Amino acid sequence: MDAVKEIDTRGLNCPLPILKAKKALADMHSGELLKVVATDPGSVRDFQAFARQTGNELVEQITFDGEFVHLLRRR
């Protein structure tokens, strides 16, 4: 799965990763993938709630080496 857009939110805490993702998704077409890389452990829970509330699909969440990767499909 190749993301159309990737945003780096390392070092940012809630709600900034969500706000940056929301802005990026607004500029994308339906069905396109957005990859968000974060270091905030709370981002796992935040992106799950964000996906439920907005109708965007949370395709995958991966934790690797203290980083959290969230893959979202634009609704």
PDB file of N, CA and C in Angstrom:
ATOM      1  N   MET A   1       0.836  -1.180   0.000  1.00  0.00           N
ATOM      2  CA  MET A   1       0.000   0.000   0.000  1.00  0.00           C
ATOM      3  C   MET A   1       0.882   1.245   0.000  1.00  0.00           C
ATOM      4  N   ASP A   2       0.767   2.026  -1.027  1.00  0.00           N
ATOM      5  CA  ASP A   2       1.554   3.241  -1.126  1.00  0.00           C
ATOM      6  C   ASP A   2       0.711   4.453  -0.776  1.00  0.00           C
ATOM      7  N   ALA A   3       1.200   5.226   0.181  1.00  0.00           N
ATOM      8  CA  ALA A   3       0.506   6.451   0.572  1.00  0.00           C
ATOM      9  C   ALA A   3       0.758   7.533  -0.471  1.00  0.00           C
ATOM     10  N   VAL A   4      -0.282   8.283  -0.758  1.00  0.00           N
ATOM     11  CA  VAL A   4      -0.183   9.415  -1.675  1.00  0.00           C
ATOM     12  C   VAL A   4       0.559  10.567  -0.993  1.00  0.00           C
ATOM     13  N   LYS A   5       0.350  10.670   0.321  1.00  0.00           N
ATOM     14  CA  LYS A   5       0.954  11.760   1.084  1.00  0.00           C
ATOM     15  C   LYS A   5       1.437  11.198   2.416  1.00  0.00           C
ATOM     16  N   GLU A   6       2.561  11.736   2.891  1.00  0.00           N
ATOM     17  CA  GLU A   6       3.095  11.336   4.195  1.00  0.00           C
ATOM     18  C   GLU A   6       3.388  12.592   4.993  1.00  0.00           C
ATOM     19  N   ILE A   7       2.975  12.580   6.263  1.00  0.00           N
ATOM     20  CA  ILE A   7       3.294  13.722   7.122  1.00  0.00           C
ATOM     21  C   ILE A   7       4.071  13.232   8.347  1.00  0.00           C
ATOM     22  N   ASP A   8       5.023  14.029   8.740  1.00  0.00           N
ATOM     23  CA  ASP A   8       5.888  13.723   9.865  1.00  0.00           C
ATOM     24  C   ASP A   8       5.459  14.582  11.050  1.00  0.00           C
ATOM     25  N   THR A   9       4.918  13.926  12.079  1.00  0.00           N
ATOM     26  CA  THR A   9       4.491  14.667  13.267  1.00  0.00           C
ATOM     27  C   THR A   9       5.338  14.265  14.477  1.00  0.00           C
ATOM     28  N   ARG A  10       6.533  13.773  14.217  1.00  0.00           N
ATOM     29  CA  ARG A  10       7.429  13.385  15.318  1.00  0.00           C
ATOM     30  C   ARG A  10       7.682  14.597  16.207  1.00  0.00           C
ATOM     31  N   GLY A  11       7.631  14.356  17.520  1.00  0.00           N
ATOM     32  CA  GLY A  11       7.888  15.431  18.479  1.00  0.00           C
ATOM     33  C   GLY A  11       6.669  16.270  18.810  1.00  0.00           C
ATOM     34  N   LEU A  12       5.577  16.072  18.085  1.00  0.00           N
ATOM     35  CA  LEU A  12       4.356  16.836  18.353  1.00  0.00           C
ATOM     36  C   LEU A  12       3.405  16.020  19.218  1.00  0.00           C
ATOM     37  N   ASN A  13       2.734  16.696  20.123  1.00  0.00           N
ATOM     38  CA  ASN A  13       1.763  16.031  20.992  1.00  0.00           C
ATOM     39  C   ASN A  13       0.349  16.409  20.594  1.00  0.00           C
ATOM     40  N   CYS A  14      -0.598  15.633  21.092  1.00  0.00           N
ATOM     41  CA  CYS A  14      -2.008  15.840  20.823  1.00  0.00           C
ATOM     42  C   CYS A  14      -2.367  17.288  21.145  1.00  0.00           C
ATOM     43  N   PRO A  15      -3.135  17.938  20.332  1.00  0.00           N
ATOM     44  CA  PRO A  15      -3.882  17.447  19.172  1.00  0.00           C
ATOM     45  C   PRO A  15      -3.197  17.710  17.827  1.00  0.00           C
ATOM     46  N   LEU A  16      -1.934  18.139  17.836  1.00  0.00           N
ATOM     47  CA  LEU A  16      -1.286  18.546  16.586  1.00  0.00           C
ATOM     48  C   LEU A  16      -1.209  17.450  15.514  1.00  0.00           C
ATOM     49  N   PRO A  17      -0.872  16.190  15.851  1.00  0.00           N
ATOM     50  CA  PRO A  17      -0.862  15.171  14.783  1.00  0.00           C
ATOM     51  C   PRO A  17      -2.230  15.016  14.105  1.00  0.00           C
ATOM     52  N   ILE A  18      -3.285  15.077  14.889  1.00  0.00           N
ATOM     53  CA  ILE A  18      -4.643  14.952  14.335  1.00  0.00           C
ATOM     54  C   ILE A  18      -4.963  16.159  13.456  1.00  0.00           C
ATOM     55  N   LEU A  19      -4.636  17.345  13.921  1.00  0.00           N
ATOM     56  CA  LEU A  19      -4.924  18.549  13.144  1.00  0.00           C
ATOM     57  C   LEU A  19      -4.170  18.558  11.816  1.00  0.00           C
ATOM     58  N   LYS A  20      -2.917  18.125  11.833  1.00  0.00           N
ATOM     59  CA  LYS A  20      -2.133  18.066  10.602  1.00  0.00           C
ATOM     60  C   LYS A  20      -2.696  17.008   9.650  1.00  0.00           C
ATOM     61  N   ALA A  21      -3.142  15.886  10.202  1.00  0.00           N
ATOM     62  CA  ALA A  21      -3.747  14.830   9.378  1.00  0.00           C
ATOM     63  C   ALA A  21      -5.052  15.319   8.764  1.00  0.00           C
ATOM     64  N   LYS A  22      -5.851  16.010   9.559  1.00  0.00           N
ATOM     65  CA  LYS A  22      -7.125  16.539   9.063  1.00  0.00           C
ATOM     66  C   LYS A  22      -6.898  17.491   7.895  1.00  0.00           C
ATOM     67  N   LYS A  23      -5.904  18.349   8.027  1.00  0.00           N
ATOM     68  CA  LYS A  23      -5.582  19.304   6.967  1.00  0.00           C
ATOM     69  C   LYS A  23      -5.090  18.574   5.709  1.00  0.00           C
ATOM     70  N   ALA A  24      -4.250  17.584   5.888  1.00  0.00           N
ATOM     71  CA  ALA A  24      -3.720  16.822   4.750  1.00  0.00           C
ATOM     72  C   ALA A  24      -4.836  16.062   4.037  1.00  0.00           C
ATOM     73  N   LEU A  25      -5.731  15.446   4.799  1.00  0.00           N
ATOM     74  CA  LEU A  25      -6.837  14.684   4.203  1.00  0.00           C
ATOM     75  C   LEU A  25      -7.776  15.583   3.402  1.00  0.00           C
ATOM     76  N   ALA A  26      -7.923  16.823   3.837  1.00  0.00           N
ATOM     77  CA  ALA A  26      -8.812  17.755   3.144  1.00  0.00           C
ATOM     78  C   ALA A  26      -8.338  18.039   1.722  1.00  0.00           C
ATOM     79  N   ASP A  27      -7.031  17.904   1.491  1.00  0.00           N
ATOM     80  CA  ASP A  27      -6.451  18.162   0.170  1.00  0.00           C
ATOM     81  C   ASP A  27      -6.315  16.899  -0.679  1.00  0.00           C
ATOM     82  N   MET A  28      -6.858  15.789  -0.192  1.00  0.00           N
ATOM     83  CA  MET A  28      -6.717  14.514  -0.892  1.00  0.00           C
ATOM     84  C   MET A  28      -8.041  14.075  -1.499  1.00  0.00           C
ATOM     85  N   HIS A  29      -7.963  13.145  -2.445  1.00  0.00           N
ATOM     86  CA  HIS A  29      -9.155  12.587  -3.083  1.00  0.00           C
ATOM     87  C   HIS A  29      -9.637  11.353  -2.330  1.00  0.00           C
ATOM     88  N   SER A  30     -10.903  11.044  -2.471  1.00  0.00           N
ATOM     89  CA  SER A  30     -11.504   9.880  -1.842  1.00  0.00           C
ATOM     90  C   SER A  30     -10.743   8.612  -2.241  1.00  0.00           C
ATOM     91  N   GLY A  31     -10.433   7.781  -1.253  1.00  0.00           N
ATOM     92  CA  GLY A  31      -9.749   6.517  -1.500  1.00  0.00           C
ATOM     93  C   GLY A  31      -8.237   6.596  -1.406  1.00  0.00           C
ATOM     94  N   GLU A  32      -7.674   7.811  -1.400  1.00  0.00           N
ATOM     95  CA  GLU A  32      -6.226   7.947  -1.309  1.00  0.00           C
ATOM     96  C   GLU A  32      -5.746   7.682   0.120  1.00  0.00           C
ATOM     97  N   LEU A  33      -4.488   7.248   0.234  1.00  0.00           N
ATOM     98  CA  LEU A  33      -3.921   6.897   1.533  1.00  0.00           C
ATOM     99  C   LEU A  33      -3.002   7.992   2.062  1.00  0.00           C
ATOM    100  N   LEU A  34      -3.109   8.235   3.366  1.00  0.00           N
ATOM    101  CA  LEU A  34      -2.262   9.174   4.078  1.00  0.00           C
ATOM    102  C   LEU A  34      -1.488   8.404   5.138  1.00  0.00           C
ATOM    103  N   LYS A  35      -0.179   8.621   5.177  1.00  0.00           N
ATOM    104  CA  LYS A  35       0.671   8.010   6.199  1.00  0.00           C
ATOM    105  C   LYS A  35       1.096   9.098   7.175  1.00  0.00           C
ATOM    106  N   VAL A  36       0.869   8.836   8.460  1.00  0.00           N
ATOM    107  CA  VAL A  36       1.250   9.785   9.504  1.00  0.00           C
ATOM    108  C   VAL A  36       2.253   9.090  10.425  1.00  0.00           C
ATOM    109  N   VAL A  37       3.412   9.706  10.619  1.00  0.00           N
ATOM    110  CA  VAL A  37       4.426   9.171  11.531  1.00  0.00           C
ATOM    111  C   VAL A  37       4.445  10.067  12.765  1.00  0.00           C
ATOM    112  N   ALA A  38       4.276   9.451  13.932  1.00  0.00           N
ATOM    113  CA  ALA A  38       4.194  10.203  15.185  1.00  0.00           C
ATOM    114  C   ALA A  38       5.059   9.553  16.259  1.00  0.00           C
ATOM    115  N   THR A  39       5.371  10.330  17.294  1.00  0.00           N
ATOM    116  CA  THR A  39       6.092   9.790  18.446  1.00  0.00           C
ATOM    117  C   THR A  39       5.241   9.848  19.719  1.00  0.00           C
ATOM    118  N   ASP A  40       4.092  10.461  19.648  1.00  0.00           N
ATOM    119  CA  ASP A  40       3.189  10.578  20.797  1.00  0.00           C
ATOM    120  C   ASP A  40       2.436   9.259  20.980  1.00  0.00           C
ATOM    121  N   PRO A  41       2.664   8.546  22.102  1.00  0.00           N
ATOM    122  CA  PRO A  41       1.964   7.270  22.317  1.00  0.00           C
ATOM    123  C   PRO A  41       0.442   7.422  22.317  1.00  0.00           C
ATOM    124  N   GLY A  42      -0.041   8.585  22.689  1.00  0.00           N
ATOM    125  CA  GLY A  42      -1.482   8.838  22.693  1.00  0.00           C
ATOM    126  C   GLY A  42      -2.067   8.905  21.292  1.00  0.00           C
ATOM    127  N   SER A  43      -1.213   9.014  20.291  1.00  0.00           N
ATOM    128  CA  SER A  43      -1.709   9.117  18.913  1.00  0.00           C
ATOM    129  C   SER A  43      -2.413   7.842  18.456  1.00  0.00           C
ATOM    130  N   VAL A  44      -2.054   6.699  19.044  1.00  0.00           N
ATOM    131  CA  VAL A  44      -2.712   5.440  18.669  1.00  0.00           C
ATOM    132  C   VAL A  44      -4.209   5.544  18.955  1.00  0.00           C
ATOM    133  N   ARG A  45      -4.527   5.901  20.157  1.00  0.00           N
ATOM    134  CA  ARG A  45      -5.930   6.053  20.584  1.00  0.00           C
ATOM    135  C   ARG A  45      -6.593   7.224  19.853  1.00  0.00           C
ATOM    136  N   ASP A  46      -5.845   8.320  19.688  1.00  0.00           N
ATOM    137  CA  ASP A  46      -6.392   9.516  19.040  1.00  0.00           C
ATOM    138  C   ASP A  46      -6.805   9.232  17.595  1.00  0.00           C
ATOM    139  N   PHE A  47      -5.972   8.514  16.848  1.00  0.00           N
ATOM    140  CA  PHE A  47      -6.296   8.244  15.449  1.00  0.00           C
ATOM    141  C   PHE A  47      -7.443   7.239  15.319  1.00  0.00           C
ATOM    142  N   GLN A  48      -7.581   6.343  16.280  1.00  0.00           N
ATOM    143  CA  GLN A  48      -8.734   5.437  16.269  1.00  0.00           C
ATOM    144  C   GLN A  48     -10.024   6.228  16.430  1.00  0.00           C
ATOM    145  N   ALA A  49     -10.033   7.158  17.376  1.00  0.00           N
ATOM    146  CA  ALA A  49     -11.212   7.997  17.603  1.00  0.00           C
ATOM    147  C   ALA A  49     -11.461   8.925  16.411  1.00  0.00           C
ATOM    148  N   PHE A  50     -10.399   9.482  15.849  1.00  0.00           N
ATOM    149  CA  PHE A  50     -10.513  10.373  14.696  1.00  0.00           C
ATOM    150  C   PHE A  50     -11.170   9.649  13.518  1.00  0.00           C
ATOM    151  N   ALA A  51     -10.742   8.432  13.268  1.00  0.00           N
ATOM    152  CA  ALA A  51     -11.304   7.655  12.154  1.00  0.00           C
ATOM    153  C   ALA A  51     -12.792   7.385  12.380  1.00  0.00           C
ATOM    154  N   ARG A  52     -13.150   7.005  13.593  1.00  0.00           N
ATOM    155  CA  ARG A  52     -14.568   6.745  13.909  1.00  0.00           C
ATOM    156  C   ARG A  52     -15.416   7.997  13.717  1.00  0.00           C
ATOM    157  N   GLN A  53     -14.910   9.131  14.164  1.00  0.00           N
ATOM    158  CA  GLN A  53     -15.678  10.373  14.132  1.00  0.00           C
ATOM    159  C   GLN A  53     -15.792  10.976  12.738  1.00  0.00           C
ATOM    160  N   THR A  54     -14.796  10.756  11.892  1.00  0.00           N
ATOM    161  CA  THR A  54     -14.776  11.413  10.587  1.00  0.00           C
ATOM    162  C   THR A  54     -15.206  10.514   9.433  1.00  0.00           C
ATOM    163  N   GLY A  55     -15.230   9.201   9.664  1.00  0.00           N
ATOM    164  CA  GLY A  55     -15.604   8.285   8.591  1.00  0.00           C
ATOM    165  C   GLY A  55     -14.445   7.901   7.690  1.00  0.00           C
ATOM    166  N   ASN A  56     -13.246   8.428   7.974  1.00  0.00           N
ATOM    167  CA  ASN A  56     -12.059   7.983   7.247  1.00  0.00           C
ATOM    168  C   ASN A  56     -11.665   6.611   7.804  1.00  0.00           C
ATOM    169  N   GLU A  57     -11.100   5.761   6.951  1.00  0.00           N
ATOM    170  CA  GLU A  57     -10.754   4.405   7.371  1.00  0.00           C
ATOM    171  C   GLU A  57      -9.335   4.366   7.925  1.00  0.00           C
ATOM    172  N   LEU A  58      -9.201   3.834   9.131  1.00  0.00           N
ATOM    173  CA  LEU A  58      -7.880   3.597   9.707  1.00  0.00           C
ATOM    174  C   LEU A  58      -7.440   2.226   9.213  1.00  0.00           C
ATOM    175  N   VAL A  59      -6.608   2.210   8.184  1.00  0.00           N
ATOM    176  CA  VAL A  59      -6.220   0.978   7.511  1.00  0.00           C
ATOM    177  C   VAL A  59      -5.249   0.174   8.358  1.00  0.00           C
ATOM    178  N   GLU A  60      -4.293   0.874   8.994  1.00  0.00           N
ATOM    179  CA  GLU A  60      -3.253   0.161   9.730  1.00  0.00           C
ATOM    180  C   GLU A  60      -2.588   1.093  10.729  1.00  0.00           C
ATOM    181  N   GLN A  61      -2.157   0.491  11.850  1.00  0.00           N
ATOM    182  CA  GLN A  61      -1.345   1.201  12.830  1.00  0.00           C
ATOM    183  C   GLN A  61      -0.179   0.295  13.189  1.00  0.00           C
ATOM    184  N   ILE A  62       1.033   0.838  13.101  1.00  0.00           N
ATOM    185  CA  ILE A  62       2.234   0.062  13.386  1.00  0.00           C
ATOM    186  C   ILE A  62       3.072   0.830  14.400  1.00  0.00           C
ATOM    187  N   THR A  63       3.593   0.122  15.389  1.00  0.00           N
ATOM    188  CA  THR A  63       4.516   0.710  16.350  1.00  0.00           C
ATOM    189  C   THR A  63       5.885   0.101  16.091  1.00  0.00           C
ATOM    190  N   PHE A  64       6.875   0.964  15.882  1.00  0.00           N
ATOM    191  CA  PHE A  64       8.212   0.474  15.586  1.00  0.00           C
ATOM    192  C   PHE A  64       9.249   1.451  16.133  1.00  0.00           C
ATOM    193  N   ASP A  65      10.091   0.974  17.031  1.00  0.00           N
ATOM    194  CA  ASP A  65      11.205   1.774  17.539  1.00  0.00           C
ATOM    195  C   ASP A  65      10.760   3.106  18.143  1.00  0.00           C
ATOM    196  N   GLY A  66       9.683   3.084  18.906  1.00  0.00           N
ATOM    197  CA  GLY A  66       9.212   4.308  19.551  1.00  0.00           C
ATOM    198  C   GLY A  66       8.444   5.251  18.645  1.00  0.00           C
ATOM    199  N   GLU A  67       8.179   4.802  17.418  1.00  0.00           N
ATOM    200  CA  GLU A  67       7.391   5.613  16.488  1.00  0.00           C
ATOM    201  C   GLU A  67       6.090   4.889  16.166  1.00  0.00           C
ATOM    202  N   PHE A  68       5.085   5.681  15.895  1.00  0.00           N
ATOM    203  CA  PHE A  68       3.756   5.159  15.610  1.00  0.00           C
ATOM    204  C   PHE A  68       3.373   5.595  14.207  1.00  0.00           C
ATOM    205  N   VAL A  69       3.083   4.610  13.365  1.00  0.00           N
ATOM    206  CA  VAL A  69       2.718   4.903  11.973  1.00  0.00           C
ATOM    207  C   VAL A  69       1.231   4.607  11.805  1.00  0.00           C
ATOM    208  N   HIS A  70       0.512   5.592  11.300  1.00  0.00           N
ATOM    209  CA  HIS A  70      -0.931   5.478  11.095  1.00  0.00           C
ATOM    210  C   HIS A  70      -1.194   5.624   9.609  1.00  0.00           C
ATOM    211  N   LEU A  71      -1.945   4.690   9.051  1.00  0.00           N
ATOM    212  CA  LEU A  71      -2.280   4.745   7.636  1.00  0.00           C
ATOM    213  C   LEU A  71      -3.797   4.931   7.515  1.00  0.00           C
ATOM    214  N   LEU A  72      -4.198   6.053   6.937  1.00  0.00           N
ATOM    215  CA  LEU A  72      -5.618   6.397   6.807  1.00  0.00           C
ATOM    216  C   LEU A  72      -6.028   6.473   5.352  1.00  0.00           C
ATOM    217  N   ARG A  73      -7.235   5.963   5.066  1.00  0.00           N
ATOM    218  CA  ARG A  73      -7.804   6.071   3.723  1.00  0.00           C
ATOM    219  C   ARG A  73      -8.865   7.159   3.764  1.00  0.00           C
ATOM    220  N   ARG A  74      -8.727   8.138   2.869  1.00  0.00           N
ATOM    221  CA  ARG A  74      -9.668   9.258   2.779  1.00  0.00           C
ATOM    222  C   ARG A  74     -11.050   8.750   2.384  1.00  0.00           C
ATOM    223  N   ARG A  75     -12.062   9.200   3.102  1.00  0.00           N
ATOM    224  CA  ARG A  75     -13.436   8.775   2.793  1.00  0.00           C
ATOM    225  C   ARG A  75     -13.941   9.394   1.514  1.00  0.00           C
TER     226      ARG A  75
END
